[in-house]
Amino acid sequence: MSMAELMRAVASLPAEQQNELAAFLLHLRLQHDPAWRTEMARRIDDNEPTHWTTLEDWKKELAASGEEG
């Protein structure tokens, strides 16, 4: 499949599937970013609860940014 064919196929997808594909592509891109991987490992290994984000706070931040799903 050529890039043009792939782009046409993606353009014809419903918005929800385009969003899912965009998230997947971002995930792939970030997996190749050593700085991002290092930062995520640091955050996952952080044992200090005061540094953690609650689900409620995350939802508020997401809503404030206008990116609610």
N, C-alpha and C. Protein backbone atom coordinates (compact mmCIF):
# COMPACT_ATOMS: atom_id res chain seq x y z
N MET A 1 0.86 -1.19 0.00
CA MET A 1 0.00 0.00 0.00
C MET A 1 0.89 1.24 0.00
N SER A 2 0.62 2.15 -0.89
CA SER A 2 1.41 3.38 -0.96
C SER A 2 0.99 4.34 0.15
N MET A 3 1.82 5.33 0.37
CA MET A 3 1.49 6.33 1.39
C MET A 3 0.22 7.08 1.01
N ALA A 4 0.04 7.38 -0.27
CA ALA A 4 -1.17 8.08 -0.71
C ALA A 4 -2.42 7.23 -0.44
N GLU A 5 -2.32 5.93 -0.71
CA GLU A 5 -3.45 5.03 -0.45
C GLU A 5 -3.74 4.95 1.04
N LEU A 6 -2.68 4.87 1.82
CA LEU A 6 -2.84 4.81 3.27
C LEU A 6 -3.49 6.09 3.79
N MET A 7 -3.07 7.22 3.29
CA MET A 7 -3.64 8.50 3.73
C MET A 7 -5.12 8.60 3.34
N ARG A 8 -5.46 8.14 2.15
CA ARG A 8 -6.87 8.16 1.74
C ARG A 8 -7.70 7.23 2.62
N ALA A 9 -7.15 6.08 2.93
CA ALA A 9 -7.87 5.12 3.78
C ALA A 9 -8.10 5.71 5.17
N VAL A 10 -7.08 6.34 5.71
CA VAL A 10 -7.22 6.95 7.04
C VAL A 10 -8.22 8.10 7.00
N ALA A 11 -8.19 8.89 5.95
CA ALA A 11 -9.12 10.02 5.82
C ALA A 11 -10.57 9.55 5.77
N SER A 12 -10.78 8.34 5.30
CA SER A 12 -12.15 7.84 5.19
C SER A 12 -12.66 7.18 6.49
N LEU A 13 -11.78 7.03 7.46
CA LEU A 13 -12.19 6.44 8.74
C LEU A 13 -13.06 7.40 9.53
N PRO A 14 -13.93 6.88 10.37
CA PRO A 14 -14.69 7.75 11.28
C PRO A 14 -13.72 8.45 12.24
N ALA A 15 -14.13 9.59 12.76
CA ALA A 15 -13.27 10.40 13.63
C ALA A 15 -12.75 9.59 14.81
N GLU A 16 -13.57 8.76 15.40
CA GLU A 16 -13.14 7.98 16.57
C GLU A 16 -11.98 7.04 16.20
N GLN A 17 -12.07 6.42 15.05
CA GLN A 17 -10.99 5.53 14.62
C GLN A 17 -9.74 6.31 14.23
N GLN A 18 -9.92 7.50 13.67
CA GLN A 18 -8.77 8.36 13.38
C GLN A 18 -8.07 8.76 14.67
N ASN A 19 -8.85 9.07 15.70
CA ASN A 19 -8.26 9.42 17.00
C ASN A 19 -7.49 8.25 17.59
N GLU A 20 -8.06 7.06 17.47
CA GLU A 20 -7.39 5.86 17.98
C GLU A 20 -6.07 5.62 17.23
N LEU A 21 -6.09 5.80 15.93
CA LEU A 21 -4.89 5.63 15.12
C LEU A 21 -3.85 6.69 15.49
N ALA A 22 -4.29 7.92 15.67
CA ALA A 22 -3.37 9.00 16.04
C ALA A 22 -2.70 8.70 17.38
N ALA A 23 -3.46 8.19 18.34
CA ALA A 23 -2.90 7.83 19.64
C ALA A 23 -1.88 6.71 19.49
N PHE A 24 -2.18 5.73 18.66
CA PHE A 24 -1.26 4.62 18.43
C PHE A 24 0.03 5.12 17.78
N LEU A 25 -0.08 5.99 16.80
CA LEU A 25 1.12 6.53 16.14
C LEU A 25 1.96 7.35 17.11
N LEU A 26 1.30 8.13 17.96
CA LEU A 26 2.04 8.89 18.97
C LEU A 26 2.77 7.93 19.91
N HIS A 27 2.08 6.87 20.32
CA HIS A 27 2.70 5.86 21.18
C HIS A 27 3.96 5.30 20.51
N LEU A 28 3.86 4.95 19.24
CA LEU A 28 5.02 4.42 18.53
C LEU A 28 6.16 5.42 18.48
N ARG A 29 5.83 6.67 18.20
CA ARG A 29 6.86 7.72 18.12
C ARG A 29 7.54 7.90 19.46
N LEU A 30 6.78 7.93 20.54
CA LEU A 30 7.35 8.15 21.87
C LEU A 30 8.23 6.97 22.30
N GLN A 31 7.90 5.78 21.84
CA GLN A 31 8.72 4.62 22.20
C GLN A 31 10.14 4.74 21.66
N HIS A 32 10.33 5.56 20.64
CA HIS A 32 11.66 5.75 20.05
C HIS A 32 12.35 7.00 20.59
N ASP A 33 11.76 7.65 21.59
CA ASP A 33 12.33 8.87 22.17
C ASP A 33 12.95 8.52 23.51
N PRO A 34 14.30 8.46 23.59
CA PRO A 34 14.96 8.06 24.83
C PRO A 34 14.64 8.97 26.01
N ALA A 35 14.49 10.26 25.77
CA ALA A 35 14.19 11.19 26.86
C ALA A 35 12.80 10.89 27.44
N TRP A 36 11.84 10.62 26.57
CA TRP A 36 10.48 10.30 27.04
C TRP A 36 10.49 9.00 27.83
N ARG A 37 11.17 7.99 27.32
CA ARG A 37 11.24 6.70 28.00
C ARG A 37 11.89 6.85 29.37
N THR A 38 12.95 7.63 29.46
CA THR A 38 13.62 7.87 30.74
C THR A 38 12.69 8.56 31.72
N GLU A 39 11.98 9.58 31.25
CA GLU A 39 11.05 10.31 32.12
C GLU A 39 9.91 9.42 32.59
N MET A 40 9.36 8.61 31.70
CA MET A 40 8.26 7.71 32.09
C MET A 40 8.75 6.68 33.11
N ALA A 41 9.95 6.14 32.92
CA ALA A 41 10.51 5.19 33.88
C ALA A 41 10.69 5.85 35.24
N ARG A 42 11.17 7.10 35.23
CA ARG A 42 11.36 7.84 36.49
C ARG A 42 10.02 8.02 37.20
N ARG A 43 9.00 8.40 36.45
CA ARG A 43 7.68 8.62 37.06
C ARG A 43 7.08 7.33 37.58
N ILE A 44 7.22 6.26 36.84
CA ILE A 44 6.67 4.97 37.26
C ILE A 44 7.37 4.48 38.53
N ASP A 45 8.66 4.72 38.63
CA ASP A 45 9.45 4.26 39.78
C ASP A 45 9.33 5.18 40.99
N ASP A 46 8.66 6.33 40.85
CA ASP A 46 8.53 7.30 41.94
C ASP A 46 7.63 6.72 43.04
N ASN A 47 8.20 6.53 44.21
CA ASN A 47 7.47 5.95 45.34
C ASN A 47 6.84 7.01 46.25
N GLU A 48 6.96 8.28 45.90
CA GLU A 48 6.46 9.36 46.74
C GLU A 48 5.03 9.74 46.34
N PRO A 49 4.04 9.36 47.15
CA PRO A 49 2.63 9.63 46.80
C PRO A 49 2.30 11.09 46.56
N THR A 50 3.04 12.01 47.16
CA THR A 50 2.75 13.43 46.93
C THR A 50 3.09 13.86 45.50
N HIS A 51 3.85 13.05 44.79
CA HIS A 51 4.20 13.37 43.40
C HIS A 51 3.20 12.77 42.41
N TRP A 52 2.30 11.95 42.90
CA TRP A 52 1.36 11.25 42.03
C TRP A 52 0.18 12.14 41.67
N THR A 53 -0.45 11.88 40.56
CA THR A 53 -1.65 12.60 40.13
C THR A 53 -2.85 11.68 40.33
N THR A 54 -3.88 12.22 40.95
CA THR A 54 -5.09 11.42 41.13
C THR A 54 -5.88 11.39 39.82
N LEU A 55 -6.73 10.41 39.68
CA LEU A 55 -7.57 10.31 38.50
C LEU A 55 -8.46 11.54 38.38
N GLU A 56 -8.98 12.01 39.50
CA GLU A 56 -9.85 13.19 39.49
C GLU A 56 -9.10 14.42 39.00
N ASP A 57 -7.86 14.62 39.49
CA ASP A 57 -7.06 15.77 39.05
C ASP A 57 -6.74 15.67 37.56
N TRP A 58 -6.44 14.46 37.10
CA TRP A 58 -6.13 14.26 35.69
C TRP A 58 -7.34 14.59 34.83
N LYS A 59 -8.52 14.14 35.26
CA LYS A 59 -9.74 14.43 34.50
C LYS A 59 -10.00 15.93 34.45
N LYS A 60 -9.78 16.63 35.56
CA LYS A 60 -9.96 18.09 35.58
C LYS A 60 -8.97 18.77 34.61
N GLU A 61 -7.73 18.31 34.63
CA GLU A 61 -6.73 18.89 33.74
C GLU A 61 -7.09 18.63 32.28
N LEU A 62 -7.53 17.43 31.99
CA LEU A 62 -7.93 17.07 30.64
C LEU A 62 -9.11 17.93 30.17
N ALA A 63 -10.10 18.09 31.04
CA ALA A 63 -11.28 18.89 30.70
C ALA A 63 -10.88 20.35 30.47
N ALA A 64 -9.98 20.86 31.29
CA ALA A 64 -9.54 22.26 31.17
C ALA A 64 -8.78 22.48 29.87
N SER A 65 -8.10 21.44 29.38
CA SER A 65 -7.34 21.60 28.15
C SER A 65 -8.21 21.44 26.91
N GLY A 66 -9.47 21.06 27.11
CA GLY A 66 -10.39 20.91 25.99
C GLY A 66 -10.19 19.63 25.20
N GLU A 67 -9.52 18.63 25.79
CA GLU A 67 -9.22 17.39 25.08
C GLU A 67 -10.04 16.23 25.60
N GLU A 68 -11.16 16.50 26.20
CA GLU A 68 -11.99 15.42 26.72
C GLU A 68 -12.43 14.50 25.61
N GLY A 69 -12.39 13.18 25.90
CA GLY A 69 -12.79 12.18 24.90
C GLY A 69 -14.22 12.06 24.93
